[in-house]
Amino acid sequence: MKKLINNFLQLEKKDQVMFLLIFPCITNGILSIYQLFIGFISGSIWLLTNSAFYIIITLARFFSIKDYRLTRICKDKNKINKINNRNYFSNGLLLFLLSFTYFGVSTYMLLHDIDIIYKGYMVYCVATISFWNLGWAITGMIKYKKDISPIIRATRITNCANAMTSIVLTQVVLLSEFGEGTSNIFNGIAGITVSIIILAMGIIMMINTKKKELK
């Protein structure tokens, strides 16, 4: 274990970022599978959609890790730039498309009462994972804010989007378990707000990529 930690500390900061990205991928993957399972059992559109959102975000992270590894072994600068720009644009497009889905299901949640089946320890597990995602996103934005690598920037933005949806999920779960009355209204408004922010993120990423290509 000590040797593994020492090897990690010897990596460049960018390599450390991409290595640590594996852990939120694993936690999100587990949470998304659980949501998918419960969603099928309960017939919850919100849980199924939220699960799909998490799965796609997790896959996007894995593709970012793969593209980053390609840039590390590639010697052709033009090819490296193409990989970087493609990854940044694809992450922006992904957020752009997912925001519409998230907006739709949040609007549905705003207008209809929904049952979220998270009981006992899973409530606290979801909250823990959500705050982990939030902490990881904030750490990345602060610690690596000067990094100009498009893949690292795309990863940071995707982490922020994931953190925001995680917080909404935590709110939904907590209000479902402990709240009363108009929880669907608060959950719907929170989800719609987050979807609009994610939409703006995706648009900005795609515009920035096109601007670079035109230079």
C-alpha atoms as a PDB file:
ATOM      1  CA  MET A   1       0.000   0.000   0.000  1.00  0.00           C
ATOM      2  CA  LYS A   2       2.811   2.389   0.904  1.00  0.00           C
ATOM      3  CA  LYS A   3       4.528   1.718  -2.412  1.00  0.00           C
ATOM      4  CA  LEU A   4       1.265   2.357  -4.266  1.00  0.00           C
ATOM      5  CA  ILE A   5       0.810   5.702  -2.497  1.00  0.00           C
ATOM      6  CA  ASN A   6       4.395   6.718  -3.248  1.00  0.00           C
ATOM      7  CA  ASN A   7       3.945   5.828  -6.927  1.00  0.00           C
ATOM      8  CA  PHE A   8       0.776   7.905  -7.003  1.00  0.00           C
ATOM      9  CA  LEU A   9       2.493  10.917  -5.423  1.00  0.00           C
ATOM     10  CA  GLN A  10       5.220  10.750  -8.061  1.00  0.00           C
ATOM     11  CA  LEU A  11       2.694  11.162 -10.863  1.00  0.00           C
ATOM     12  CA  GLU A  12       2.089  14.524 -12.495  1.00  0.00           C
ATOM     13  CA  LYS A  13      -0.958  16.430 -11.244  1.00  0.00           C
ATOM     14  CA  LYS A  14      -2.902  15.723 -14.422  1.00  0.00           C
ATOM     15  CA  ASP A  15      -2.148  12.006 -14.131  1.00  0.00           C
ATOM     16  CA  GLN A  16      -3.318  12.066 -10.507  1.00  0.00           C
ATOM     17  CA  VAL A  17      -6.604  13.692 -11.547  1.00  0.00           C
ATOM     18  CA  MET A  18      -7.362  11.051 -14.147  1.00  0.00           C
ATOM     19  CA  PHE A  19      -6.307   8.217 -11.831  1.00  0.00           C
ATOM     20  CA  LEU A  20      -8.562   9.416  -9.007  1.00  0.00           C
ATOM     21  CA  LEU A  21     -11.421   9.750 -11.494  1.00  0.00           C
ATOM     22  CA  ILE A  22     -11.753   5.970 -11.327  1.00  0.00           C
ATOM     23  CA  PHE A  23     -13.210   6.139  -7.801  1.00  0.00           C
ATOM     24  CA  PRO A  24     -16.241   8.375  -8.532  1.00  0.00           C
ATOM     25  CA  CYS A  25     -16.813   6.222 -11.612  1.00  0.00           C
ATOM     26  CA  ILE A  26     -17.100   3.163  -9.374  1.00  0.00           C
ATOM     27  CA  THR A  27     -19.364   4.805  -6.769  1.00  0.00           C
ATOM     28  CA  ASN A  28     -21.603   6.334  -9.433  1.00  0.00           C
ATOM     29  CA  GLY A  29     -21.742   3.027 -11.273  1.00  0.00           C
ATOM     30  CA  ILE A  30     -22.926   1.212  -8.152  1.00  0.00           C
ATOM     31  CA  LEU A  31     -25.506   3.907  -7.382  1.00  0.00           C
ATOM     32  CA  SER A  32     -26.814   3.945 -10.950  1.00  0.00           C
ATOM     33  CA  ILE A  33     -27.261   0.158 -10.987  1.00  0.00           C
ATOM     34  CA  TYR A  34     -29.164   0.340  -7.702  1.00  0.00           C
ATOM     35  CA  GLN A  35     -31.411   3.092  -9.055  1.00  0.00           C
ATOM     36  CA  LEU A  36     -31.999   1.107 -12.241  1.00  0.00           C
ATOM     37  CA  PHE A  37     -33.001  -1.958 -10.227  1.00  0.00           C
ATOM     38  CA  ILE A  38     -35.333  -0.048  -7.899  1.00  0.00           C
ATOM     39  CA  GLY A  39     -36.705   1.946 -10.825  1.00  0.00           C
ATOM     40  CA  PHE A  40     -37.733  -1.212 -12.669  1.00  0.00           C
ATOM     41  CA  ILE A  41     -39.333  -2.663  -9.558  1.00  0.00           C
ATOM     42  CA  SER A  42     -41.271   0.485  -8.662  1.00  0.00           C
ATOM     43  CA  GLY A  43     -41.899   1.696 -12.215  1.00  0.00           C
ATOM     44  CA  SER A  44     -40.439   5.078 -11.282  1.00  0.00           C
ATOM     45  CA  ILE A  45     -39.695   7.185 -14.372  1.00  0.00           C
ATOM     46  CA  TRP A  46     -37.598   9.556 -12.274  1.00  0.00           C
ATOM     47  CA  LEU A  47     -35.357   6.808 -10.894  1.00  0.00           C
ATOM     48  CA  LEU A  48     -34.914   5.205 -14.318  1.00  0.00           C
ATOM     49  CA  THR A  49     -34.013   8.520 -15.927  1.00  0.00           C
ATOM     50  CA  ASN A  50     -31.685   9.478 -13.091  1.00  0.00           C
ATOM     51  CA  SER A  51     -30.018   6.079 -13.361  1.00  0.00           C
ATOM     52  CA  ALA A  52     -29.515   6.542 -17.115  1.00  0.00           C
ATOM     53  CA  PHE A  53     -28.032  10.008 -16.442  1.00  0.00           C
ATOM     54  CA  TYR A  54     -25.515   8.546 -13.993  1.00  0.00           C
ATOM     55  CA  ILE A  55     -24.596   5.681 -16.310  1.00  0.00           C
ATOM     56  CA  ILE A  56     -23.939   8.025 -19.247  1.00  0.00           C
ATOM     57  CA  ILE A  57     -21.878  10.403 -17.087  1.00  0.00           C
ATOM     58  CA  THR A  58     -19.852   7.427 -15.830  1.00  0.00           C
ATOM     59  CA  LEU A  59     -19.230   6.231 -19.400  1.00  0.00           C
ATOM     60  CA  ALA A  60     -18.180   9.762 -20.384  1.00  0.00           C
ATOM     61  CA  ARG A  61     -15.595   9.713 -17.605  1.00  0.00           C
ATOM     62  CA  PHE A  62     -14.215   6.380 -18.765  1.00  0.00           C
ATOM     63  CA  PHE A  63     -13.913   7.725 -22.319  1.00  0.00           C
ATOM     64  CA  SER A  64     -12.116  10.793 -20.942  1.00  0.00           C
ATOM     65  CA  ILE A  65      -9.651   8.516 -19.162  1.00  0.00           C
ATOM     66  CA  LYS A  66      -9.143   6.584 -22.396  1.00  0.00           C
ATOM     67  CA  ASP A  67      -8.613   9.748 -24.469  1.00  0.00           C
ATOM     68  CA  TYR A  68      -6.225  11.145 -21.875  1.00  0.00           C
ATOM     69  CA  ARG A  69      -4.112   7.988 -22.069  1.00  0.00           C
ATOM     70  CA  LEU A  70      -4.005   8.372 -25.857  1.00  0.00           C
ATOM     71  CA  THR A  71      -2.705  11.944 -25.541  1.00  0.00           C
ATOM     72  CA  ARG A  72       0.018  10.765 -23.158  1.00  0.00           C
ATOM     73  CA  ILE A  73       1.428   8.183 -25.566  1.00  0.00           C
ATOM     74  CA  CYS A  74       0.841  10.120 -28.796  1.00  0.00           C
ATOM     75  CA  LYS A  75       3.710  12.206 -30.197  1.00  0.00           C
ATOM     76  CA  ASP A  76       1.790  13.977 -32.960  1.00  0.00           C
ATOM     77  CA  LYS A  77       0.679  17.403 -31.625  1.00  0.00           C
ATOM     78  CA  ASN A  78      -2.025  17.788 -34.252  1.00  0.00           C
ATOM     79  CA  LYS A  79      -3.508  14.428 -33.327  1.00  0.00           C
ATOM     80  CA  ILE A  80      -3.316  15.314 -29.621  1.00  0.00           C
ATOM     81  CA  ASN A  81      -5.202  18.557 -30.293  1.00  0.00           C
ATOM     82  CA  LYS A  82      -7.865  16.662 -32.226  1.00  0.00           C
ATOM     83  CA  ILE A  83      -8.321  14.172 -29.380  1.00  0.00           C
ATOM     84  CA  ASN A  84      -8.525  16.987 -26.827  1.00  0.00           C
ATOM     85  CA  ASN A  85     -11.041  19.022 -28.823  1.00  0.00           C
ATOM     86  CA  ARG A  86     -13.134  15.984 -29.707  1.00  0.00           C
ATOM     87  CA  ASN A  87     -13.344  14.943 -26.063  1.00  0.00           C
ATOM     88  CA  TYR A  88     -14.208  18.461 -24.880  1.00  0.00           C
ATOM     89  CA  PHE A  89     -16.894  18.886 -27.546  1.00  0.00           C
ATOM     90  CA  SER A  90     -18.395  15.419 -26.964  1.00  0.00           C
ATOM     91  CA  ASN A  91     -18.650  16.089 -23.219  1.00  0.00           C
ATOM     92  CA  GLY A  92     -20.363  19.409 -23.953  1.00  0.00           C
ATOM     93  CA  LEU A  93     -22.775  17.763 -26.390  1.00  0.00           C
ATOM     94  CA  LEU A  94     -23.487  15.050 -23.848  1.00  0.00           C
ATOM     95  CA  LEU A  95     -24.372  17.589 -21.148  1.00  0.00           C
ATOM     96  CA  PHE A  96     -26.467  19.536 -23.664  1.00  0.00           C
ATOM     97  CA  LEU A  97     -28.542  16.454 -24.540  1.00  0.00           C
ATOM     98  CA  LEU A  98     -28.799  15.138 -20.991  1.00  0.00           C
ATOM     99  CA  SER A  99     -30.043  18.496 -19.726  1.00  0.00           C
ATOM    100  CA  PHE A 100     -33.231  18.134 -21.792  1.00  0.00           C
ATOM    101  CA  THR A 101     -33.913  14.696 -20.359  1.00  0.00           C
ATOM    102  CA  TYR A 102     -33.264  15.929 -16.841  1.00  0.00           C
ATOM    103  CA  PHE A 103     -35.480  18.963 -17.451  1.00  0.00           C
ATOM    104  CA  GLY A 104     -38.307  16.740 -18.680  1.00  0.00           C
ATOM    105  CA  VAL A 105     -38.235  14.345 -15.760  1.00  0.00           C
ATOM    106  CA  SER A 106     -37.866  17.224 -13.268  1.00  0.00           C
ATOM    107  CA  THR A 107     -40.934  18.900 -14.772  1.00  0.00           C
ATOM    108  CA  TYR A 108     -42.806  15.618 -14.425  1.00  0.00           C
ATOM    109  CA  MET A 109     -41.652  15.420 -10.808  1.00  0.00           C
ATOM    110  CA  LEU A 110     -42.885  18.981 -10.246  1.00  0.00           C
ATOM    111  CA  LEU A 111     -46.377  18.194 -11.552  1.00  0.00           C
ATOM    112  CA  HIS A 112     -46.872  14.707 -10.131  1.00  0.00           C
ATOM    113  CA  ASP A 113     -46.395  12.958  -6.814  1.00  0.00           C
ATOM    114  CA  ILE A 114     -43.717  10.291  -7.093  1.00  0.00           C
ATOM    115  CA  ASP A 115     -42.619   7.573  -4.710  1.00  0.00           C
ATOM    116  CA  ILE A 116     -38.881   7.134  -4.172  1.00  0.00           C
ATOM    117  CA  ILE A 117     -38.002   3.805  -2.592  1.00  0.00           C
ATOM    118  CA  TYR A 118     -34.871   4.543  -0.593  1.00  0.00           C
ATOM    119  CA  LYS A 119     -35.052   3.186   2.904  1.00  0.00           C
ATOM    120  CA  GLY A 120     -32.779   2.809   5.890  1.00  0.00           C
ATOM    121  CA  TYR A 121     -29.049   2.796   5.275  1.00  0.00           C
ATOM    122  CA  MET A 122     -29.423   3.557   1.539  1.00  0.00           C
ATOM    123  CA  VAL A 123     -30.642   7.071   2.393  1.00  0.00           C
ATOM    124  CA  TYR A 124     -27.386   7.799   4.194  1.00  0.00           C
ATOM    125  CA  CYS A 125     -25.366   5.972   1.533  1.00  0.00           C
ATOM    126  CA  VAL A 126     -26.824   8.201  -1.200  1.00  0.00           C
ATOM    127  CA  ALA A 127     -26.121  11.316   0.891  1.00  0.00           C
ATOM    128  CA  THR A 128     -22.528  10.208   1.488  1.00  0.00           C
ATOM    129  CA  ILE A 129     -21.872   9.565  -2.205  1.00  0.00           C
ATOM    130  CA  SER A 130     -23.478  12.884  -3.137  1.00  0.00           C
ATOM    131  CA  PHE A 131     -21.323  14.909  -0.767  1.00  0.00           C
ATOM    132  CA  TRP A 132     -18.274  12.949  -1.932  1.00  0.00           C
ATOM    133  CA  ASN A 133     -19.099  13.956  -5.526  1.00  0.00           C
ATOM    134  CA  LEU A 134     -19.579  17.567  -4.452  1.00  0.00           C
ATOM    135  CA  GLY A 135     -16.292  17.637  -2.542  1.00  0.00           C
ATOM    136  CA  TRP A 136     -14.451  16.022  -5.449  1.00  0.00           C
ATOM    137  CA  ALA A 137     -15.884  18.557  -7.911  1.00  0.00           C
ATOM    138  CA  ILE A 138     -14.969  21.552  -5.717  1.00  0.00           C
ATOM    139  CA  THR A 139     -11.468  20.185  -5.114  1.00  0.00           C
ATOM    140  CA  GLY A 140     -10.921  19.743  -8.844  1.00  0.00           C
ATOM    141  CA  MET A 141     -12.124  23.256  -9.668  1.00  0.00           C
ATOM    142  CA  ILE A 142      -9.853  24.853  -7.059  1.00  0.00           C
ATOM    143  CA  LYS A 143      -6.760  22.672  -7.204  1.00  0.00           C
ATOM    144  CA  TYR A 144      -6.539  22.309 -10.981  1.00  0.00           C
ATOM    145  CA  LYS A 145      -8.157  25.574 -12.133  1.00  0.00           C
ATOM    146  CA  LYS A 146      -4.986  26.638 -13.980  1.00  0.00           C
ATOM    147  CA  ASP A 147      -4.761  23.429 -15.997  1.00  0.00           C
ATOM    148  CA  ILE A 148      -5.468  24.228 -19.642  1.00  0.00           C
ATOM    149  CA  SER A 149      -5.798  20.632 -20.854  1.00  0.00           C
ATOM    150  CA  PRO A 150      -9.237  20.350 -22.562  1.00  0.00           C
ATOM    151  CA  ILE A 151      -9.777  16.823 -21.238  1.00  0.00           C
ATOM    152  CA  ILE A 152      -9.037  17.912 -17.669  1.00  0.00           C
ATOM    153  CA  ARG A 153     -11.349  20.916 -18.074  1.00  0.00           C
ATOM    154  CA  ALA A 154     -14.084  18.701 -19.519  1.00  0.00           C
ATOM    155  CA  THR A 155     -13.660  16.321 -16.598  1.00  0.00           C
ATOM    156  CA  ARG A 156     -13.968  19.162 -14.091  1.00  0.00           C
ATOM    157  CA  ILE A 157     -17.171  20.447 -15.716  1.00  0.00           C
ATOM    158  CA  THR A 158     -18.660  16.956 -15.920  1.00  0.00           C
ATOM    159  CA  ASN A 159     -17.814  16.443 -12.251  1.00  0.00           C
ATOM    160  CA  CYS A 160     -19.675  19.663 -11.398  1.00  0.00           C
ATOM    161  CA  ALA A 161     -22.736  18.538 -13.369  1.00  0.00           C
ATOM    162  CA  ASN A 162     -22.634  15.181 -11.640  1.00  0.00           C
ATOM    163  CA  ALA A 163     -22.274  16.835  -8.216  1.00  0.00           C
ATOM    164  CA  MET A 164     -25.320  19.031  -8.822  1.00  0.00           C
ATOM    165  CA  THR A 165     -27.511  16.101  -9.854  1.00  0.00           C
ATOM    166  CA  SER A 166     -26.211  14.174  -6.837  1.00  0.00           C
ATOM    167  CA  ILE A 167     -27.324  16.970  -4.517  1.00  0.00           C
ATOM    168  CA  VAL A 168     -30.769  16.969  -6.136  1.00  0.00           C
ATOM    169  CA  LEU A 169     -30.924  13.193  -5.660  1.00  0.00           C
ATOM    170  CA  THR A 170     -30.013  13.629  -1.994  1.00  0.00           C
ATOM    171  CA  GLN A 171     -32.762  16.222  -1.582  1.00  0.00           C
ATOM    172  CA  VAL A 172     -35.302  13.931  -3.246  1.00  0.00           C
ATOM    173  CA  VAL A 173     -34.312  10.971  -1.082  1.00  0.00           C
ATOM    174  CA  LEU A 174     -34.278  12.929   2.186  1.00  0.00           C
ATOM    175  CA  LEU A 175     -37.603  14.656   1.529  1.00  0.00           C
ATOM    176  CA  SER A 176     -39.131  11.354   0.449  1.00  0.00           C
ATOM    177  CA  GLU A 177     -38.006   9.720   3.690  1.00  0.00           C
ATOM    178  CA  PHE A 178     -38.436  12.553   6.198  1.00  0.00           C
ATOM    179  CA  GLY A 179     -40.405  15.318   4.477  1.00  0.00           C
ATOM    180  CA  GLU A 180     -44.115  15.915   4.134  1.00  0.00           C
ATOM    181  CA  GLY A 181     -46.505  17.780   1.881  1.00  0.00           C
ATOM    182  CA  THR A 182     -45.081  19.656  -1.124  1.00  0.00           C
ATOM    183  CA  SER A 183     -41.716  17.887  -1.469  1.00  0.00           C
ATOM    184  CA  ASN A 184     -42.392  17.181  -5.171  1.00  0.00           C
ATOM    185  CA  ILE A 185     -42.537  20.940  -5.832  1.00  0.00           C
ATOM    186  CA  PHE A 186     -39.159  21.603  -4.213  1.00  0.00           C
ATOM    187  CA  ASN A 187     -37.627  18.570  -5.937  1.00  0.00           C
ATOM    188  CA  GLY A 188     -38.995  19.606  -9.321  1.00  0.00           C
ATOM    189  CA  ILE A 189     -37.772  23.193  -9.005  1.00  0.00           C
ATOM    190  CA  ALA A 190     -34.308  22.010  -7.917  1.00  0.00           C
ATOM    191  CA  GLY A 191     -34.108  19.570 -10.824  1.00  0.00           C
ATOM    192  CA  ILE A 192     -35.239  22.158 -13.394  1.00  0.00           C
ATOM    193  CA  THR A 193     -32.717  24.691 -12.087  1.00  0.00           C
ATOM    194  CA  VAL A 194     -29.886  22.162 -12.310  1.00  0.00           C
ATOM    195  CA  SER A 195     -30.933  21.103 -15.819  1.00  0.00           C
ATOM    196  CA  ILE A 196     -30.768  24.733 -17.012  1.00  0.00           C
ATOM    197  CA  ILE A 197     -27.280  25.149 -15.516  1.00  0.00           C
ATOM    198  CA  ILE A 198     -26.125  21.918 -17.175  1.00  0.00           C
ATOM    199  CA  LEU A 199     -27.613  23.083 -20.483  1.00  0.00           C
ATOM    200  CA  ALA A 200     -25.598  26.317 -20.243  1.00  0.00           C
ATOM    201  CA  MET A 201     -22.436  24.333 -19.446  1.00  0.00           C
ATOM    202  CA  GLY A 202     -22.903  22.138 -22.505  1.00  0.00           C
ATOM    203  CA  ILE A 203     -23.549  25.068 -24.841  1.00  0.00           C
ATOM    204  CA  ILE A 204     -20.500  26.988 -23.594  1.00  0.00           C
ATOM    205  CA  MET A 205     -18.274  23.921 -24.038  1.00  0.00           C
ATOM    206  CA  MET A 206     -19.428  23.362 -27.623  1.00  0.00           C
ATOM    207  CA  ILE A 207     -19.067  27.054 -28.525  1.00  0.00           C
ATOM    208  CA  ASN A 208     -15.549  27.199 -27.059  1.00  0.00           C
ATOM    209  CA  THR A 209     -14.546  24.123 -29.069  1.00  0.00           C
ATOM    210  CA  LYS A 210     -15.832  25.631 -32.328  1.00  0.00           C
ATOM    211  CA  LYS A 211     -14.016  28.902 -31.599  1.00  0.00           C
ATOM    212  CA  LYS A 212     -10.731  27.017 -31.204  1.00  0.00           C
ATOM    213  CA  GLU A 213     -11.297  25.140 -34.456  1.00  0.00           C
ATOM    214  CA  LEU A 214     -11.855  28.426 -36.311  1.00  0.00           C
ATOM    215  CA  LYS A 215      -8.593  29.947 -35.083  1.00  0.00           C
END
